[in-house]
N, C-alpha and C. Protein backbone atom coordinates (compact mmCIF):
# COMPACT_ATOMS: atom_id res chain seq x y z
N MET A 1 0.93 -1.21 -0.11
CA MET A 1 0.00 0.01 0.10
C MET A 1 0.79 1.28 -0.29
N ARG A 2 0.50 2.15 -0.97
CA ARG A 2 1.32 3.47 -0.77
C ARG A 2 1.20 4.24 0.04
N PHE A 3 2.00 4.73 0.80
CA PHE A 3 2.01 6.02 2.01
C PHE A 3 2.38 7.24 1.34
N PRO A 4 1.52 8.12 1.26
CA PRO A 4 1.96 9.29 0.33
C PRO A 4 2.85 10.19 1.27
N LEU A 5 3.15 9.90 2.22
CA LEU A 5 4.15 10.75 3.21
C LEU A 5 5.51 10.36 2.79
N VAL A 6 5.71 9.39 2.24
CA VAL A 6 7.20 8.92 1.67
C VAL A 6 6.92 8.52 0.53
N GLY A 7 7.92 7.71 0.10
CA GLY A 7 7.98 7.26 -1.31
C GLY A 7 8.98 8.20 -2.13
N GLY A 8 9.79 7.46 -3.37
CA GLY A 8 10.47 8.06 -4.01
C GLY A 8 9.98 9.31 -4.95
N TRP A 9 10.49 10.04 -5.48
CA TRP A 9 9.88 11.27 -6.05
C TRP A 9 8.95 10.84 -7.29
N ASP A 10 8.96 9.60 -7.88
CA ASP A 10 8.15 9.42 -8.75
C ASP A 10 6.67 8.92 -8.23
N GLN A 11 6.87 8.78 -7.13
CA GLN A 11 5.51 8.44 -6.52
C GLN A 11 4.96 9.61 -5.80
N ASP A 12 5.30 10.73 -5.94
CA ASP A 12 4.90 12.15 -5.53
C ASP A 12 4.59 12.34 -3.97
N PRO A 13 5.86 12.30 -3.36
CA PRO A 13 5.45 12.25 -1.80
C PRO A 13 4.87 13.60 -1.73
N ALA A 14 4.52 13.78 -0.02
CA ALA A 14 3.61 14.69 0.26
C ALA A 14 4.96 16.00 0.26
N TRP A 15 5.94 15.65 0.77
CA TRP A 15 6.93 16.74 0.95
C TRP A 15 7.08 17.66 -0.53
N ALA A 16 6.87 16.86 -1.66
CA ALA A 16 6.73 17.63 -2.74
C ALA A 16 6.00 18.71 -3.02
N LYS A 17 4.80 18.59 -2.23
CA LYS A 17 3.55 19.61 -2.08
C LYS A 17 3.91 20.68 -1.21
N VAL A 18 4.75 19.96 0.06
CA VAL A 18 4.72 20.95 1.38
C VAL A 18 5.81 21.91 1.19
N TYR A 19 6.92 21.52 0.46
CA TYR A 19 7.98 22.60 0.35
C TYR A 19 7.74 23.74 -0.11
N PRO A 20 7.16 23.82 -1.55
CA PRO A 20 6.69 24.96 -2.47
C PRO A 20 5.89 25.76 -1.46
N LEU A 21 5.12 25.50 -0.60
CA LEU A 21 4.21 26.06 0.08
C LEU A 21 4.77 26.85 1.28
N LEU A 22 5.98 26.17 1.68
CA LEU A 22 6.70 27.10 2.86
C LEU A 22 7.48 28.15 2.10
N VAL A 23 8.06 27.84 0.89
CA VAL A 23 8.75 28.80 0.32
C VAL A 23 8.00 29.91 0.01
N GLU A 24 6.75 29.46 -0.84
CA GLU A 24 5.83 30.73 -1.17
C GLU A 24 5.22 31.57 -0.33
N HIS A 25 5.35 30.87 1.03
CA HIS A 25 4.57 31.62 2.22
C HIS A 25 5.33 31.98 3.22
N PRO A 26 6.26 32.75 3.25
CA PRO A 26 7.28 32.92 4.17
C PRO A 26 6.91 33.16 5.71
N VAL A 27 5.56 33.99 5.79
CA VAL A 27 4.96 34.10 7.00
C VAL A 27 4.80 32.68 7.93
N LEU A 28 4.37 31.70 7.19
CA LEU A 28 4.82 30.17 7.64
C LEU A 28 6.03 29.43 7.51
N GLY A 29 6.61 29.73 6.15
CA GLY A 29 7.63 29.17 6.21
C GLY A 29 8.98 29.43 6.87
N ALA A 30 9.08 30.68 6.96
CA ALA A 30 10.33 31.10 7.93
C ALA A 30 10.78 30.54 9.16
N PRO A 31 9.55 30.43 10.08
CA PRO A 31 9.74 29.92 11.25
C PRO A 31 9.90 28.65 11.39
N LEU A 32 9.20 27.86 10.42
CA LEU A 32 9.28 26.23 10.05
C LEU A 32 10.68 25.98 9.80
N TRP A 33 11.06 26.76 8.59
CA TRP A 33 12.46 26.82 8.48
C TRP A 33 13.46 26.51 9.17
N ARG A 34 13.45 27.49 9.98
CA ARG A 34 14.10 27.77 11.25
C ARG A 34 14.18 26.84 12.48
N LEU A 35 12.87 26.23 12.75
CA LEU A 35 12.68 25.20 13.61
C LEU A 35 13.15 23.81 13.01
N GLY A 36 13.03 23.36 11.62
CA GLY A 36 13.45 22.15 11.30
C GLY A 36 15.04 22.16 11.04
N LEU A 37 15.50 23.33 10.40
CA LEU A 37 16.73 23.19 10.04
C LEU A 37 17.79 24.07 10.61
N ASP A 38 17.06 25.05 11.58
CA ASP A 38 18.22 26.12 11.89
C ASP A 38 18.80 26.89 10.86
N SER A 39 17.92 27.29 9.57
CA SER A 39 18.54 28.05 8.79
C SER A 39 17.39 29.38 8.39
N ASP A 40 18.01 30.03 7.73
CA ASP A 40 17.62 31.40 7.25
C ASP A 40 16.89 31.45 5.94
N ILE A 41 15.29 31.11 5.62
CA ILE A 41 14.95 31.09 4.35
C ILE A 41 15.36 32.52 3.60
N ALA A 42 15.43 33.38 3.99
CA ALA A 42 15.99 34.45 3.24
C ALA A 42 17.24 33.94 2.26
N LEU A 43 18.02 33.25 2.90
CA LEU A 43 19.13 32.88 2.03
C LEU A 43 18.71 32.44 0.56
N LEU A 44 17.58 31.31 0.70
CA LEU A 44 17.00 30.96 -0.83
C LEU A 44 16.59 32.03 -1.40
N TYR A 45 15.63 33.12 -1.02
CA TYR A 45 15.18 34.20 -1.73
C TYR A 45 16.46 34.92 -2.64
N ARG A 46 17.45 35.19 -1.72
CA ARG A 46 18.69 36.17 -2.09
C ARG A 46 19.38 35.25 -3.33
N ALA A 47 19.55 33.90 -3.11
CA ALA A 47 20.16 33.33 -4.21
C ALA A 47 19.29 33.21 -5.35
N ALA A 48 18.16 32.98 -5.22
CA ALA A 48 17.25 32.99 -6.62
C ALA A 48 17.01 34.16 -6.94
N GLU A 49 17.38 35.30 -6.29
CA GLU A 49 17.21 36.97 -7.18
C GLU A 49 18.41 36.85 -8.18
N GLU A 50 19.54 36.13 -7.93
CA GLU A 50 20.64 35.99 -9.18
C GLU A 50 19.69 36.11 -10.54
N ILE A 51 18.86 34.94 -10.23
CA ILE A 51 18.52 34.56 -12.06
C ILE A 51 17.99 36.04 -12.59
N GLY A 52 17.17 36.63 -11.75
CA GLY A 52 16.62 38.09 -12.36
C GLY A 52 17.75 39.04 -12.76
N GLU A 53 18.96 38.95 -12.56
CA GLU A 53 20.05 39.80 -12.59
C GLU A 53 20.63 39.49 -14.17
N LEU A 54 20.33 38.09 -14.71
CA LEU A 54 20.64 37.99 -15.62
C LEU A 54 20.54 38.81 -16.98
N PRO A 55 21.16 38.88 -17.75
CA PRO A 55 20.40 39.87 -19.25
C PRO A 55 19.56 38.79 -20.25
N ALA A 56 18.97 39.74 -20.92
CA ALA A 56 17.86 39.07 -21.84
C ALA A 56 18.85 38.04 -22.69
N GLY A 57 17.99 37.23 -22.91
CA GLY A 57 18.50 36.01 -24.12
C GLY A 57 19.58 35.19 -23.03
N ALA A 58 20.04 35.13 -22.10
CA ALA A 58 20.52 34.00 -21.05
C ALA A 58 19.93 33.03 -21.07
N ARG A 59 20.75 31.90 -21.09
CA ARG A 59 19.82 30.58 -20.61
C ARG A 59 19.95 30.13 -19.39
N VAL A 60 19.08 29.57 -18.83
CA VAL A 60 19.37 28.77 -17.37
C VAL A 60 18.71 27.57 -17.24
N LEU A 61 19.45 26.47 -16.75
CA LEU A 61 18.86 25.18 -16.47
C LEU A 61 18.75 25.21 -14.80
N ASP A 62 17.15 24.65 -14.63
CA ASP A 62 16.95 24.65 -13.18
C ASP A 62 16.70 23.20 -13.02
N VAL A 63 17.55 22.59 -12.35
CA VAL A 63 17.35 20.98 -12.26
C VAL A 63 17.93 20.55 -10.85
N PRO A 64 16.70 19.74 -9.99
CA PRO A 64 15.61 19.66 -10.53
C PRO A 64 14.61 20.46 -10.09
N VAL A 65 13.67 20.82 -11.03
CA VAL A 65 13.17 21.82 -10.83
C VAL A 65 11.74 21.98 -9.87
N GLY A 66 11.45 20.65 -9.42
CA GLY A 66 10.55 20.39 -8.39
C GLY A 66 9.38 21.22 -8.73
N GLY A 67 8.88 21.82 -7.56
CA GLY A 67 7.52 22.42 -7.80
C GLY A 67 7.92 24.15 -8.69
N GLY A 68 9.22 24.57 -8.76
CA GLY A 68 9.32 25.81 -9.52
C GLY A 68 9.59 27.02 -8.41
N VAL A 69 10.39 26.42 -7.27
CA VAL A 69 10.48 27.47 -6.03
C VAL A 69 11.53 28.63 -6.68
N ALA A 70 12.42 28.41 -7.45
CA ALA A 70 13.54 29.00 -8.04
C ALA A 70 12.92 29.98 -9.19
N LEU A 71 11.63 29.90 -9.59
CA LEU A 71 11.01 30.73 -10.64
C LEU A 71 10.65 32.18 -10.11
N ARG A 72 10.77 32.07 -8.69
CA ARG A 72 10.50 33.68 -7.91
C ARG A 72 11.74 34.23 -8.52
N GLY A 73 12.64 34.01 -8.92
CA GLY A 73 13.64 34.88 -9.23
C GLY A 73 13.48 35.24 -10.54
N LEU A 74 12.73 34.85 -11.42
CA LEU A 74 12.77 35.43 -12.78
C LEU A 74 11.70 36.48 -12.61
N ARG A 75 12.28 37.58 -13.62
CA ARG A 75 11.42 38.80 -13.97
C ARG A 75 10.65 38.75 -15.15
N PRO A 76 9.18 38.90 -15.08
CA PRO A 76 8.15 39.24 -16.18
C PRO A 76 8.79 40.16 -16.99
N GLY A 77 9.06 39.67 -18.26
CA GLY A 77 9.59 40.22 -19.49
C GLY A 77 11.05 40.50 -19.58
N GLY A 78 11.70 39.49 -18.54
CA GLY A 78 13.39 39.47 -18.78
C GLY A 78 13.73 38.75 -19.82
N GLY A 79 13.12 38.18 -20.42
CA GLY A 79 13.51 37.69 -21.70
C GLY A 79 14.75 36.28 -21.60
N LEU A 80 14.48 35.67 -20.48
CA LEU A 80 15.65 34.22 -20.36
C LEU A 80 15.12 33.45 -20.92
N ASP A 81 15.80 32.40 -21.44
CA ASP A 81 15.57 30.95 -21.86
C ASP A 81 15.87 30.23 -20.66
N TYR A 82 14.59 29.96 -19.95
CA TYR A 82 14.68 29.09 -18.78
C TYR A 82 14.24 27.67 -18.90
N VAL A 83 15.10 26.96 -18.69
CA VAL A 83 14.73 25.50 -19.02
C VAL A 83 14.46 24.92 -17.47
N ALA A 84 13.24 24.34 -17.13
CA ALA A 84 12.92 23.74 -15.87
C ALA A 84 13.02 22.28 -16.00
N ALA A 85 13.72 21.46 -15.54
CA ALA A 85 14.01 19.95 -16.08
C ALA A 85 13.60 19.33 -14.70
N ASP A 86 13.36 18.18 -14.57
CA ASP A 86 12.90 17.15 -13.64
C ASP A 86 12.82 15.88 -14.18
N ILE A 87 12.87 14.99 -13.44
CA ILE A 87 12.61 13.17 -13.90
C ILE A 87 11.11 13.06 -13.62
N SER A 88 10.14 13.62 -13.03
CA SER A 88 8.88 13.60 -12.50
C SER A 88 8.24 14.48 -13.33
N PRO A 89 7.18 13.88 -14.53
CA PRO A 89 6.12 14.55 -14.85
C PRO A 89 5.51 15.52 -14.26
N THR A 90 5.11 14.75 -12.87
CA THR A 90 4.45 15.76 -12.05
C THR A 90 4.89 16.90 -11.66
N MET A 91 6.36 16.84 -11.37
CA MET A 91 6.84 17.87 -11.00
C MET A 91 6.98 18.96 -12.12
N LEU A 92 7.18 18.67 -13.14
CA LEU A 92 7.31 19.39 -14.33
C LEU A 92 5.76 20.37 -14.61
N ARG A 93 4.50 19.51 -14.60
CA ARG A 93 3.50 20.39 -14.24
C ARG A 93 3.23 21.34 -13.37
N ARG A 94 3.77 20.96 -11.98
CA ARG A 94 3.87 21.83 -11.13
C ARG A 94 4.66 22.97 -11.29
N ALA A 95 5.94 23.07 -12.19
CA ALA A 95 6.88 23.86 -12.51
C ALA A 95 5.97 24.74 -13.44
N GLU A 96 5.30 24.39 -14.43
CA GLU A 96 4.23 25.07 -15.32
C GLU A 96 3.11 26.04 -14.55
N ALA A 97 2.70 25.28 -13.64
CA ALA A 97 1.75 26.08 -13.23
C ALA A 97 2.40 27.34 -12.00
N ALA A 98 3.31 26.87 -11.65
CA ALA A 98 4.17 27.84 -10.93
C ALA A 98 4.58 29.09 -11.80
N ALA A 99 4.82 28.92 -12.98
CA ALA A 99 5.43 29.82 -14.08
C ALA A 99 4.28 30.85 -14.49
N ARG A 100 3.23 30.23 -14.39
CA ARG A 100 1.97 31.25 -14.80
C ARG A 100 1.78 31.96 -13.72
N ARG A 101 1.51 31.48 -12.64
CA ARG A 101 1.31 32.13 -11.23
C ARG A 101 2.33 33.40 -11.43
N HIS A 102 3.37 33.26 -11.64
CA HIS A 102 4.67 34.35 -11.46
C HIS A 102 4.68 35.08 -12.57
N ASP A 103 3.86 35.00 -13.82
CA ASP A 103 3.90 35.37 -15.12
C ASP A 103 4.84 35.49 -15.66
N VAL A 104 5.71 34.19 -15.80
CA VAL A 104 6.86 34.17 -16.64
C VAL A 104 6.79 32.76 -17.24
N ALA A 105 5.41 32.67 -17.72
CA ALA A 105 5.44 31.46 -18.52
C ALA A 105 6.15 31.26 -19.56
N ASP A 106 6.29 32.43 -20.44
CA ASP A 106 6.49 32.86 -21.65
C ASP A 106 8.18 32.64 -21.82
N GLN A 107 8.79 32.50 -20.45
CA GLN A 107 10.26 32.23 -20.70
C GLN A 107 10.73 30.94 -20.41
N VAL A 108 9.83 30.11 -19.78
CA VAL A 108 9.95 28.74 -19.42
C VAL A 108 9.60 27.15 -20.05
N THR A 109 10.43 26.69 -20.28
CA THR A 109 10.17 25.24 -21.40
C THR A 109 10.40 24.33 -19.90
N THR A 110 9.79 23.24 -20.48
CA THR A 110 10.18 22.10 -19.29
C THR A 110 10.81 21.09 -20.20
N ALA A 111 11.81 20.18 -19.63
CA ALA A 111 12.45 18.97 -19.91
C ALA A 111 12.24 18.05 -19.01
N LEU A 112 11.87 16.96 -19.65
CA LEU A 112 11.95 15.49 -18.77
C LEU A 112 13.28 14.99 -18.72
N ALA A 113 14.06 15.21 -17.51
CA ALA A 113 15.52 14.69 -17.88
C ALA A 113 15.93 14.00 -16.49
N ASP A 114 17.36 13.45 -16.75
CA ASP A 114 17.80 12.65 -15.50
C ASP A 114 19.21 13.27 -15.23
N VAL A 115 19.32 13.83 -14.05
CA VAL A 115 20.51 15.00 -13.95
C VAL A 115 21.76 14.01 -14.13
N GLY A 116 21.81 12.70 -14.12
CA GLY A 116 22.98 12.11 -14.33
C GLY A 116 23.28 11.81 -15.88
N ASP A 117 22.44 12.22 -16.53
CA ASP A 117 22.57 12.01 -17.96
C ASP A 117 21.85 13.52 -18.63
N LEU A 118 22.15 14.41 -18.50
CA LEU A 118 21.39 15.47 -19.16
C LEU A 118 21.42 15.36 -20.47
N PRO A 119 20.34 15.73 -21.22
CA PRO A 119 20.22 15.73 -22.73
C PRO A 119 20.57 17.02 -23.09
N PHE A 120 21.66 17.89 -22.89
CA PHE A 120 22.12 19.09 -23.36
C PHE A 120 23.49 19.05 -23.74
N ALA A 121 23.97 19.83 -24.48
CA ALA A 121 25.25 19.92 -24.95
C ALA A 121 26.30 20.61 -23.93
N ASP A 122 27.74 20.34 -24.06
CA ASP A 122 28.37 21.07 -23.44
C ASP A 122 28.28 22.27 -23.55
N GLY A 123 28.45 23.09 -22.14
CA GLY A 123 28.41 24.67 -22.41
C GLY A 123 27.35 25.21 -22.69
N SER A 124 25.92 24.56 -22.61
CA SER A 124 24.83 25.05 -23.13
C SER A 124 23.91 26.42 -22.50
N PHE A 125 24.39 26.27 -21.02
CA PHE A 125 23.78 27.58 -20.13
C PHE A 125 24.29 28.18 -19.45
N ASP A 126 24.03 29.58 -19.36
CA ASP A 126 24.46 30.51 -18.71
C ASP A 126 24.60 30.46 -17.13
N MET A 127 23.63 30.02 -16.61
CA MET A 127 23.50 29.64 -15.06
C MET A 127 22.69 28.30 -14.97
N VAL A 128 23.22 27.26 -14.16
CA VAL A 128 22.70 26.26 -13.71
C VAL A 128 22.29 26.53 -12.34
N VAL A 129 20.93 26.13 -11.83
CA VAL A 129 20.47 26.58 -10.45
C VAL A 129 19.97 25.10 -9.93
N SER A 130 20.26 24.88 -8.96
CA SER A 130 19.62 23.29 -8.37
C SER A 130 19.48 23.66 -6.89
N PHE A 131 18.33 23.89 -6.34
CA PHE A 131 17.95 24.20 -5.12
C PHE A 131 17.26 23.20 -4.47
N THR A 132 17.99 22.45 -3.03
CA THR A 132 17.57 21.36 -2.43
C THR A 132 17.47 20.16 -3.32
N GLY A 133 18.44 20.19 -4.19
CA GLY A 133 18.40 18.77 -5.20
C GLY A 133 19.32 18.06 -5.06
N LEU A 134 20.57 18.41 -4.77
CA LEU A 134 21.99 17.55 -4.41
C LEU A 134 21.60 16.63 -3.74
N HIS A 135 20.63 16.36 -2.57
CA HIS A 135 20.50 15.24 -1.43
C HIS A 135 19.69 14.59 -2.18
N VAL A 136 18.90 14.87 -3.10
CA VAL A 136 17.96 13.85 -3.53
C VAL A 136 18.38 12.81 -4.72
N PHE A 137 19.50 13.19 -5.15
CA PHE A 137 20.24 12.48 -6.53
C PHE A 137 20.95 11.26 -5.93
N PRO A 138 20.59 10.18 -6.76
CA PRO A 138 20.93 8.78 -6.31
C PRO A 138 22.83 8.96 -6.50
N ASP A 139 23.15 9.93 -7.21
CA ASP A 139 24.79 9.69 -7.75
C ASP A 139 25.20 11.47 -7.57
N PRO A 140 25.17 12.07 -6.28
CA PRO A 140 25.65 13.16 -6.42
C PRO A 140 26.99 13.94 -7.31
N ARG A 141 28.24 12.99 -7.15
CA ARG A 141 28.99 13.06 -7.81
C ARG A 141 29.08 13.49 -9.31
N ARG A 142 28.28 12.57 -9.89
CA ARG A 142 27.91 12.36 -11.33
C ARG A 142 27.07 13.74 -11.63
N ALA A 143 25.84 14.00 -10.57
CA ALA A 143 24.78 14.96 -10.74
C ALA A 143 25.86 16.41 -11.02
N ILE A 144 26.91 16.62 -10.08
CA ILE A 144 27.65 17.76 -10.27
C ILE A 144 28.21 17.88 -11.42
N HIS A 145 29.02 16.77 -11.77
CA HIS A 145 29.90 16.77 -12.99
C HIS A 145 28.96 17.02 -14.12
N GLU A 146 27.95 16.52 -14.36
CA GLU A 146 26.64 16.76 -15.77
C GLU A 146 26.53 18.05 -15.48
N MET A 147 26.13 19.19 -14.37
CA MET A 147 25.74 20.21 -14.31
C MET A 147 26.93 21.08 -14.68
N VAL A 148 27.99 20.98 -14.19
CA VAL A 148 29.21 21.77 -14.62
C VAL A 148 29.71 21.56 -16.18
N ARG A 149 29.43 20.23 -16.78
CA ARG A 149 29.59 20.02 -18.18
C ARG A 149 28.72 21.08 -18.86
N VAL A 150 27.56 21.15 -18.56
CA VAL A 150 26.73 21.93 -19.50
C VAL A 150 26.49 23.67 -19.07
N LEU A 151 27.13 23.75 -18.23
CA LEU A 151 27.80 25.14 -17.64
C LEU A 151 28.63 25.96 -18.93
N ALA A 152 28.10 26.99 -19.36
CA ALA A 152 29.26 28.01 -20.17
C ALA A 152 30.24 28.05 -19.39
N ARG A 153 31.72 28.79 -19.90
CA ARG A 153 32.60 29.10 -19.65
C ARG A 153 32.26 30.73 -19.17
N GLY A 154 32.73 31.04 -17.66
CA GLY A 154 31.98 32.20 -17.18
C GLY A 154 30.86 32.05 -16.63
N GLY A 155 29.96 31.08 -16.71
CA GLY A 155 28.68 30.84 -16.32
C GLY A 155 28.94 30.37 -14.56
N VAL A 156 27.62 30.34 -14.06
CA VAL A 156 27.34 30.55 -12.71
C VAL A 156 26.45 29.04 -12.28
N LEU A 157 26.87 28.29 -11.66
CA LEU A 157 26.05 27.03 -10.74
C LEU A 157 25.83 27.35 -9.40
N THR A 158 24.65 27.57 -8.76
CA THR A 158 24.06 28.17 -7.74
C THR A 158 23.29 26.93 -7.30
N GLY A 159 23.39 26.74 -5.81
CA GLY A 159 22.17 25.85 -5.25
C GLY A 159 22.11 25.56 -4.15
N SER A 160 21.30 24.99 -3.24
CA SER A 160 21.61 24.51 -1.99
C SER A 160 21.38 23.31 -1.47
N ALA A 161 21.65 22.61 -0.45
CA ALA A 161 21.22 21.00 -0.33
C ALA A 161 21.72 20.75 1.14
N LEU A 162 20.84 19.77 1.59
CA LEU A 162 21.44 19.00 2.71
C LEU A 162 22.61 18.52 2.62
N PHE A 163 23.35 18.58 3.59
CA PHE A 163 24.73 17.64 3.67
C PHE A 163 24.87 16.86 5.03
N SER A 164 25.37 15.78 4.58
CA SER A 164 25.66 14.79 5.86
C SER A 164 26.66 15.42 6.65
N GLY A 165 27.26 14.68 7.82
CA GLY A 165 28.40 15.25 8.41
C GLY A 165 28.12 14.69 9.60
N ASP A 166 29.34 14.61 10.76
CA ASP A 166 29.65 14.29 11.61
C ASP A 166 28.97 15.16 12.86
N PHE A 167 27.48 15.35 13.16
CA PHE A 167 26.91 16.14 13.87
C PHE A 167 26.97 15.96 15.35
N ARG A 168 27.10 17.32 16.14
CA ARG A 168 27.46 17.19 17.38
C ARG A 168 26.09 18.05 18.11
N GLY A 169 25.96 17.59 19.52
CA GLY A 169 24.76 18.45 20.35
C GLY A 169 23.41 18.37 19.48
N LEU A 170 23.00 19.73 19.58
CA LEU A 170 21.54 19.81 19.16
C LEU A 170 21.44 19.31 17.54
N GLN A 171 22.79 19.51 16.62
CA GLN A 171 22.66 19.45 15.48
C GLN A 171 22.31 17.75 15.15
N ARG A 172 22.53 17.54 16.01
CA ARG A 172 22.11 15.73 15.59
C ARG A 172 20.82 15.30 15.20
N ARG A 173 19.96 16.38 15.36
CA ARG A 173 18.55 16.43 14.77
C ARG A 173 18.42 16.43 13.54
N TYR A 174 19.93 16.78 12.85
CA TYR A 174 20.10 16.66 11.17
C TYR A 174 20.14 15.41 10.74
N ALA A 175 20.88 14.67 11.79
CA ALA A 175 21.35 13.27 11.13
C ALA A 175 19.95 12.47 11.14
N LEU A 176 19.13 12.62 12.14
CA LEU A 176 17.53 11.98 12.17
C LEU A 176 17.09 12.25 11.06
N VAL A 177 16.68 13.52 10.76
CA VAL A 177 16.21 13.83 9.42
C VAL A 177 16.69 13.07 8.24
N HIS A 178 18.00 12.98 8.02
CA HIS A 178 18.52 12.37 6.90
C HIS A 178 18.15 10.84 7.10
N ALA A 179 18.05 10.21 8.00
CA ALA A 179 18.07 8.91 8.32
C ALA A 179 16.60 8.51 7.81
N PHE A 180 15.74 9.56 8.48
CA PHE A 180 14.27 9.11 8.11
C PHE A 180 13.94 9.45 6.42
N GLY A 181 14.56 10.41 5.86
CA GLY A 181 14.40 10.72 4.64
C GLY A 181 15.29 9.70 3.69
N ARG A 182 16.25 8.82 4.12
CA ARG A 182 16.70 7.84 3.33
C ARG A 182 15.91 6.81 3.22
N MET A 183 15.28 6.71 4.52
CA MET A 183 14.33 5.38 4.77
C MET A 183 13.36 5.37 4.07
N SER A 184 12.82 6.55 3.65
CA SER A 184 11.59 6.76 3.36
C SER A 184 11.83 7.09 1.96
N GLN A 185 13.11 6.93 1.00
CA GLN A 185 13.39 7.20 -0.36
C GLN A 185 13.15 8.52 -0.74
N VAL A 186 13.18 9.52 0.05
CA VAL A 186 12.94 11.09 -0.27
C VAL A 186 14.29 11.63 -0.41
N LEU A 187 15.19 11.13 0.34
CA LEU A 187 16.46 11.48 0.18
C LEU A 187 17.67 10.34 -0.52
N GLY A 188 18.43 10.99 -1.10
CA GLY A 188 19.46 9.87 -1.75
C GLY A 188 20.82 9.51 -0.89
N PRO A 189 21.81 9.38 -1.44
CA PRO A 189 22.94 9.00 -0.57
C PRO A 189 23.70 9.91 0.38
N MET A 190 23.35 11.38 -0.37
CA MET A 190 23.78 12.55 0.29
C MET A 190 25.30 12.40 0.02
N CYS A 191 26.00 13.54 0.49
CA CYS A 191 27.39 13.88 0.64
C CYS A 191 27.67 14.85 1.65
N THR A 192 28.85 14.93 1.76
CA THR A 192 29.58 16.02 2.61
C THR A 192 29.48 17.35 2.30
N ALA A 193 29.68 18.58 2.74
CA ALA A 193 30.11 19.72 2.02
C ALA A 193 31.21 19.74 1.38
N ALA A 194 32.46 19.41 2.33
CA ALA A 194 33.68 18.88 1.67
C ALA A 194 33.59 18.36 0.16
N GLU A 195 32.95 16.84 0.37
CA GLU A 195 32.89 16.13 -1.09
C GLU A 195 32.43 16.98 -2.14
N ALA A 196 31.23 17.83 -1.84
CA ALA A 196 30.72 18.59 -2.75
C ALA A 196 31.72 19.58 -3.49
N ARG A 197 32.27 20.26 -2.50
CA ARG A 197 33.23 21.39 -3.11
C ARG A 197 34.54 20.60 -3.61
N ALA A 198 34.84 19.56 -3.39
CA ALA A 198 35.64 18.84 -4.03
C ALA A 198 35.46 18.33 -5.25
N TRP A 199 33.90 17.97 -5.60
CA TRP A 199 33.64 17.63 -6.75
C TRP A 199 33.23 18.47 -7.83
N LEU A 200 32.93 19.80 -7.57
CA LEU A 200 32.64 20.86 -8.09
C LEU A 200 34.05 21.38 -8.80
N LEU A 201 35.16 21.08 -7.79
CA LEU A 201 36.67 21.59 -8.69
C LEU A 201 37.07 20.67 -9.53
N GLU A 202 36.73 19.15 -9.26
CA GLU A 202 36.96 17.91 -9.87
C GLU A 202 36.38 18.19 -11.18
N ALA A 203 35.44 18.78 -11.30
CA ALA A 203 34.46 18.99 -12.83
C ALA A 203 34.65 20.27 -13.33
N GLY A 204 35.44 20.83 -13.23
CA GLY A 204 36.25 21.97 -13.60
C GLY A 204 35.35 23.81 -13.24
N ALA A 205 34.54 23.57 -12.36
CA ALA A 205 34.15 24.58 -11.65
C ALA A 205 35.44 25.18 -10.80
N ASP A 206 35.36 26.87 -10.49
CA ASP A 206 36.50 27.09 -9.62
C ASP A 206 35.52 28.34 -8.92
N GLU A 207 36.51 28.85 -8.11
CA GLU A 207 35.58 29.98 -7.02
C GLU A 207 34.43 29.62 -6.50
N VAL A 208 34.80 28.46 -5.72
CA VAL A 208 33.77 27.79 -5.20
C VAL A 208 33.40 28.09 -3.87
N HIS A 209 32.18 28.57 -3.58
CA HIS A 209 31.78 29.33 -2.20
C HIS A 209 30.68 28.39 -1.84
N LEU A 210 31.05 27.75 -0.39
CA LEU A 210 30.03 27.38 0.17
C LEU A 210 29.87 27.50 1.69
N GLU A 211 28.43 28.11 1.83
CA GLU A 211 28.19 28.64 3.28
C GLU A 211 26.87 27.81 3.92
N MET A 212 26.98 27.34 4.94
CA MET A 212 25.98 26.53 5.87
C MET A 212 25.20 27.57 6.59
N SER A 213 23.80 27.13 6.46
CA SER A 213 23.06 27.95 7.25
C SER A 213 22.36 26.97 8.04
N GLY A 214 22.88 26.55 9.25
CA GLY A 214 21.93 25.41 10.07
C GLY A 214 22.32 24.00 9.55
N GLY A 215 21.39 23.55 8.95
CA GLY A 215 21.41 21.89 8.24
C GLY A 215 21.49 22.07 6.87
N LEU A 216 21.11 23.30 5.99
CA LEU A 216 21.07 23.68 4.89
C LEU A 216 22.44 24.24 4.41
N GLY A 217 23.05 24.05 3.36
CA GLY A 217 24.36 24.47 2.71
C GLY A 217 23.95 25.11 1.26
N TYR A 218 24.35 26.27 1.00
CA TYR A 218 24.53 27.33 -0.11
C TYR A 218 25.63 27.00 -0.75
N PHE A 219 25.48 26.91 -1.83
CA PHE A 219 27.04 26.82 -2.81
C PHE A 219 26.79 27.79 -4.14
N ARG A 220 27.75 28.29 -4.53
CA ARG A 220 27.96 28.85 -5.80
C ARG A 220 29.34 28.94 -6.20
N ALA A 221 29.42 28.39 -7.57
CA ALA A 221 30.81 28.52 -8.50
C ALA A 221 30.59 28.99 -9.81
N THR A 222 31.84 29.25 -10.25
CA THR A 222 31.81 29.69 -11.73
C THR A 222 32.56 28.74 -12.27
N LYS A 223 32.39 28.61 -13.61
CA LYS A 223 33.32 27.74 -14.56
C LYS A 223 34.04 28.57 -15.21
N ASP A 224 35.74 28.69 -15.02
CA ASP A 224 36.47 29.23 -15.63
C ASP A 224 36.83 29.08 -17.22
């Protein structure tokens, strides 16, 4: 029997509906974000704002787009070519609905794609965004290599993720969240922040910046 609170992303777990609601309603989302992850949701908003600073004609890949939380960074009439990619058709439909709500549907196209084998040519995008995605991928190292591969020279890769680690004190609750997430198939094998940094450099990115905010890490790298 399917239990809708858990299960792989192809089963559309309840978290896939809850997470976008928290992001779109900060009055509710901010305190819950702080309670569950000891993190500041404003960091997500600031990271997404960088999308809207790109010039018209720039290409952006959002993978996994999920419910379209990063679309809040798009400006109506901004003239971007925004590719929303996900392995789940349900997520892509949600992203399309989010694009209409934000009045940016004319800039967004969707693509059914596996981050481990992206169907795009090398250097295809000026920016790649991956918010709260790295920790759900079955092979995060391969995913990082693929995201850097499709990034153009001078482009930016930005995103956020839950990172595993040797937690102490109250932070031990993060490990419990991770264990439950892996058991329920919502989380993948994950990686540490140090591993993510090393894989970004290994894949050809440079100027890697990674900032932890409670249980959530924000990363940004360029491709020289």
